[in-house]
Amino acid sequence: MKITSKLITGFRSEIDNGRGHKIISDVPESNGGHDLGPTSLELTSMGLGGCITSIFTMLAKKMRLTIKNIEAELEIEKLKTSPTITSVFILVKVKSDEPLELIEKCLNLTMKTCPVGILFEDAGIPIEYDLITL
């Protein structure tokens, strides 16, 4: 994986993932930016949310579970005294007719194998999660 980040102007950067996808990051106007994209810390948190829904979907397919929809809502805490995220709470909403036990098993496996979640935990950032089935 080769990522390239190029400063465009002010604090705005264009970030390329090396596979033809680019995004813009920036900082809020209150920090001197133009608020034209998420901050790098927000991108990291967004990556965690995307990882959870993607890994859950992959595992559900392997488990032959029929999932109609999945959504992860993340509450990211960053204390003013800390330079980075201090904790994460994730509410996972799954729409499925599958038994609750199987959905819970899939979510637990997801949380154990999500590469971004593993990075957060290795950095000492506690992650808690809960499940709602619809």
C-alpha atoms as a PDB file:
ATOM      1  CA  MET A   1       0.000   0.000   0.000  1.00  0.00           C
ATOM      2  CA  LYS A   2       1.395   3.390  -0.945  1.00  0.00           C
ATOM      3  CA  ILE A   3      -0.423   6.534   0.179  1.00  0.00           C
ATOM      4  CA  THR A   4       0.489   9.996  -1.097  1.00  0.00           C
ATOM      5  CA  SER A   5      -0.612  13.196   0.609  1.00  0.00           C
ATOM      6  CA  LYS A   6      -0.003  16.494  -1.163  1.00  0.00           C
ATOM      7  CA  LEU A   7      -0.578  19.900   0.406  1.00  0.00           C
ATOM      8  CA  ILE A   8      -2.833  21.931  -1.904  1.00  0.00           C
ATOM      9  CA  THR A   9      -3.212  25.217  -0.025  1.00  0.00           C
ATOM     10  CA  GLY A  10      -3.500  26.357   3.581  1.00  0.00           C
ATOM     11  CA  PHE A  11      -4.134  23.125   5.489  1.00  0.00           C
ATOM     12  CA  ARG A  12      -5.992  21.347   2.683  1.00  0.00           C
ATOM     13  CA  SER A  13      -4.364  18.168   1.423  1.00  0.00           C
ATOM     14  CA  GLU A  14      -5.214  15.776  -1.372  1.00  0.00           C
ATOM     15  CA  ILE A  15      -4.652  12.195  -0.274  1.00  0.00           C
ATOM     16  CA  ASP A  16      -4.318   9.410  -2.856  1.00  0.00           C
ATOM     17  CA  ASN A  17      -4.555   5.743  -1.905  1.00  0.00           C
ATOM     18  CA  GLY A  18      -2.513   4.564  -4.904  1.00  0.00           C
ATOM     19  CA  ARG A  19      -5.508   2.769  -6.420  1.00  0.00           C
ATOM     20  CA  GLY A  20      -7.080   5.779  -8.106  1.00  0.00           C
ATOM     21  CA  HIS A  21      -9.072   7.156  -5.177  1.00  0.00           C
ATOM     22  CA  LYS A  22      -8.461  10.619  -3.773  1.00  0.00           C
ATOM     23  CA  ILE A  23      -9.934  12.506  -0.861  1.00  0.00           C
ATOM     24  CA  ILE A  24      -9.454  15.987   0.544  1.00  0.00           C
ATOM     25  CA  SER A  25      -8.619  16.633   4.174  1.00  0.00           C
ATOM     26  CA  ASP A  26      -8.693  20.036   5.803  1.00  0.00           C
ATOM     27  CA  VAL A  27      -9.145  21.632   9.195  1.00  0.00           C
ATOM     28  CA  PRO A  28     -12.079  23.747  10.400  1.00  0.00           C
ATOM     29  CA  GLU A  29     -12.063  27.488   9.799  1.00  0.00           C
ATOM     30  CA  SER A  30     -11.679  27.995  13.553  1.00  0.00           C
ATOM     31  CA  ASN A  31      -8.244  26.349  13.208  1.00  0.00           C
ATOM     32  CA  GLY A  32      -7.203  28.335  10.145  1.00  0.00           C
ATOM     33  CA  GLY A  33      -8.456  25.964   7.443  1.00  0.00           C
ATOM     34  CA  HIS A  34     -11.320  26.195   4.981  1.00  0.00           C
ATOM     35  CA  ASP A  35     -13.288  23.155   6.267  1.00  0.00           C
ATOM     36  CA  LEU A  36     -13.320  21.563   2.777  1.00  0.00           C
ATOM     37  CA  GLY A  37     -12.985  18.013   4.101  1.00  0.00           C
ATOM     38  CA  PRO A  38     -12.645  15.947   7.235  1.00  0.00           C
ATOM     39  CA  THR A  39      -9.588  16.312   9.438  1.00  0.00           C
ATOM     40  CA  SER A  40      -7.051  13.507   9.479  1.00  0.00           C
ATOM     41  CA  LEU A  41      -8.289  12.393  12.889  1.00  0.00           C
ATOM     42  CA  GLU A  42     -11.862  12.326  11.572  1.00  0.00           C
ATOM     43  CA  LEU A  43     -10.695  10.267   8.578  1.00  0.00           C
ATOM     44  CA  THR A  44      -9.170   7.743  10.971  1.00  0.00           C
ATOM     45  CA  SER A  45     -12.452   7.473  12.860  1.00  0.00           C
ATOM     46  CA  MET A  46     -14.415   7.245   9.612  1.00  0.00           C
ATOM     47  CA  GLY A  47     -12.082   4.426   8.584  1.00  0.00           C
ATOM     48  CA  LEU A  48     -13.018   2.539  11.747  1.00  0.00           C
ATOM     49  CA  GLY A  49     -16.711   2.838  10.921  1.00  0.00           C
ATOM     50  CA  GLY A  50     -16.149   1.691   7.352  1.00  0.00           C
ATOM     51  CA  CYS A  51     -13.997  -1.201   8.499  1.00  0.00           C
ATOM     52  CA  ILE A  52     -16.694  -2.462  10.861  1.00  0.00           C
ATOM     53  CA  THR A  53     -19.474  -2.432   8.271  1.00  0.00           C
ATOM     54  CA  SER A  54     -17.238  -3.993   5.588  1.00  0.00           C
ATOM     55  CA  ILE A  55     -15.770  -6.733   7.790  1.00  0.00           C
ATOM     56  CA  PHE A  56     -19.190  -7.538   9.257  1.00  0.00           C
ATOM     57  CA  THR A  57     -20.605  -7.914   5.738  1.00  0.00           C
ATOM     58  CA  MET A  58     -17.709 -10.162   4.666  1.00  0.00           C
ATOM     59  CA  LEU A  59     -18.078 -12.369   7.726  1.00  0.00           C
ATOM     60  CA  ALA A  60     -21.870 -12.528   7.362  1.00  0.00           C
ATOM     61  CA  LYS A  61     -21.403 -13.808   3.799  1.00  0.00           C
ATOM     62  CA  LYS A  62     -18.933 -16.449   5.005  1.00  0.00           C
ATOM     63  CA  MET A  63     -21.420 -17.451   7.715  1.00  0.00           C
ATOM     64  CA  ARG A  64     -24.204 -17.506   5.078  1.00  0.00           C
ATOM     65  CA  LEU A  65     -26.223 -14.931   6.984  1.00  0.00           C
ATOM     66  CA  THR A  66     -28.721 -12.757   5.155  1.00  0.00           C
ATOM     67  CA  ILE A  67     -28.178  -9.151   6.174  1.00  0.00           C
ATOM     68  CA  LYS A  68     -30.527  -6.505   4.800  1.00  0.00           C
ATOM     69  CA  ASN A  69     -28.585  -3.561   6.196  1.00  0.00           C
ATOM     70  CA  ILE A  70     -25.858  -2.645   8.678  1.00  0.00           C
ATOM     71  CA  GLU A  71     -24.996   0.733  10.123  1.00  0.00           C
ATOM     72  CA  ALA A  72     -22.337   1.674  12.661  1.00  0.00           C
ATOM     73  CA  GLU A  73     -22.733   4.879  14.682  1.00  0.00           C
ATOM     74  CA  LEU A  74     -19.507   5.889  16.390  1.00  0.00           C
ATOM     75  CA  GLU A  75     -19.226   8.206  19.369  1.00  0.00           C
ATOM     76  CA  ILE A  76     -15.609   9.340  19.422  1.00  0.00           C
ATOM     77  CA  GLU A  77     -14.329  10.960  22.602  1.00  0.00           C
ATOM     78  CA  LYS A  78     -11.322  13.251  22.554  1.00  0.00           C
ATOM     79  CA  LEU A  79     -10.676  15.051  25.792  1.00  0.00           C
ATOM     80  CA  LYS A  80      -9.462  18.632  25.452  1.00  0.00           C
ATOM     81  CA  THR A  81      -6.405  17.662  27.453  1.00  0.00           C
ATOM     82  CA  SER A  82      -5.513  14.837  25.040  1.00  0.00           C
ATOM     83  CA  PRO A  83      -3.875  15.164  21.623  1.00  0.00           C
ATOM     84  CA  THR A  84      -5.859  12.191  20.279  1.00  0.00           C
ATOM     85  CA  ILE A  85      -8.936  10.022  20.683  1.00  0.00           C
ATOM     86  CA  THR A  86      -9.452   8.731  24.222  1.00  0.00           C
ATOM     87  CA  SER A  87     -12.346   6.278  23.743  1.00  0.00           C
ATOM     88  CA  VAL A  88     -14.839   4.956  21.207  1.00  0.00           C
ATOM     89  CA  PHE A  89     -18.394   3.693  21.587  1.00  0.00           C
ATOM     90  CA  ILE A  90     -19.995   2.007  18.589  1.00  0.00           C
ATOM     91  CA  LEU A  91     -23.684   1.267  18.183  1.00  0.00           C
ATOM     92  CA  VAL A  92     -24.120  -1.322  15.438  1.00  0.00           C
ATOM     93  CA  LYS A  93     -27.577  -1.565  13.889  1.00  0.00           C
ATOM     94  CA  VAL A  94     -28.277  -4.676  11.849  1.00  0.00           C
ATOM     95  CA  LYS A  95     -31.429  -5.362   9.884  1.00  0.00           C
ATOM     96  CA  SER A  96     -31.810  -9.104   9.453  1.00  0.00           C
ATOM     97  CA  ASP A  97     -34.193 -11.973  10.076  1.00  0.00           C
ATOM     98  CA  GLU A  98     -31.335 -14.172  11.285  1.00  0.00           C
ATOM     99  CA  PRO A  99     -31.234 -15.361  14.924  1.00  0.00           C
ATOM    100  CA  LEU A 100     -29.803 -12.818  17.368  1.00  0.00           C
ATOM    101  CA  GLU A 101     -27.105 -15.260  18.506  1.00  0.00           C
ATOM    102  CA  LEU A 102     -25.690 -15.484  14.967  1.00  0.00           C
ATOM    103  CA  ILE A 103     -25.725 -11.703  14.506  1.00  0.00           C
ATOM    104  CA  GLU A 104     -23.932 -11.295  17.850  1.00  0.00           C
ATOM    105  CA  LYS A 105     -21.368 -13.930  16.873  1.00  0.00           C
ATOM    106  CA  CYS A 106     -20.719 -12.141  13.568  1.00  0.00           C
ATOM    107  CA  LEU A 107     -20.300  -8.800  15.358  1.00  0.00           C
ATOM    108  CA  ASN A 108     -17.932 -10.240  17.960  1.00  0.00           C
ATOM    109  CA  LEU A 109     -15.805 -11.786  15.185  1.00  0.00           C
ATOM    110  CA  THR A 110     -15.889  -8.462  13.356  1.00  0.00           C
ATOM    111  CA  MET A 111     -14.591  -6.578  16.376  1.00  0.00           C
ATOM    112  CA  LYS A 112     -11.789  -9.130  16.854  1.00  0.00           C
ATOM    113  CA  THR A 113     -10.642  -8.966  13.219  1.00  0.00           C
ATOM    114  CA  CYS A 114     -11.307  -5.377  12.047  1.00  0.00           C
ATOM    115  CA  PRO A 115      -7.775  -4.133  11.180  1.00  0.00           C
ATOM    116  CA  VAL A 116      -8.578  -0.507  12.011  1.00  0.00           C
ATOM    117  CA  GLY A 117     -10.135  -1.503  15.327  1.00  0.00           C
ATOM    118  CA  ILE A 118      -7.002  -3.497  16.128  1.00  0.00           C
ATOM    119  CA  LEU A 119      -4.908  -0.366  15.453  1.00  0.00           C
ATOM    120  CA  PHE A 120      -7.093   1.634  17.849  1.00  0.00           C
ATOM    121  CA  GLU A 121      -6.818  -1.002  20.566  1.00  0.00           C
ATOM    122  CA  ASP A 122      -3.053  -1.404  20.060  1.00  0.00           C
ATOM    123  CA  ALA A 123      -2.817   2.369  20.564  1.00  0.00           C
ATOM    124  CA  GLY A 124      -4.558   1.957  23.929  1.00  0.00           C
ATOM    125  CA  ILE A 125      -7.874   3.456  22.803  1.00  0.00           C
ATOM    126  CA  PRO A 126     -10.704   1.506  24.437  1.00  0.00           C
ATOM    127  CA  ILE A 127     -13.553   0.470  22.157  1.00  0.00           C
ATOM    128  CA  GLU A 128     -16.963  -0.496  23.490  1.00  0.00           C
ATOM    129  CA  TYR A 129     -19.844  -1.592  21.304  1.00  0.00           C
ATOM    130  CA  ASP A 130     -23.470  -2.577  21.425  1.00  0.00           C
ATOM    131  CA  LEU A 131     -25.870  -4.150  18.960  1.00  0.00           C
ATOM    132  CA  ILE A 132     -29.413  -3.329  17.930  1.00  0.00           C
ATOM    133  CA  THR A 133     -31.230  -5.661  15.578  1.00  0.00           C
ATOM    134  CA  LEU A 134     -34.003  -4.298  13.419  1.00  0.00           C
END
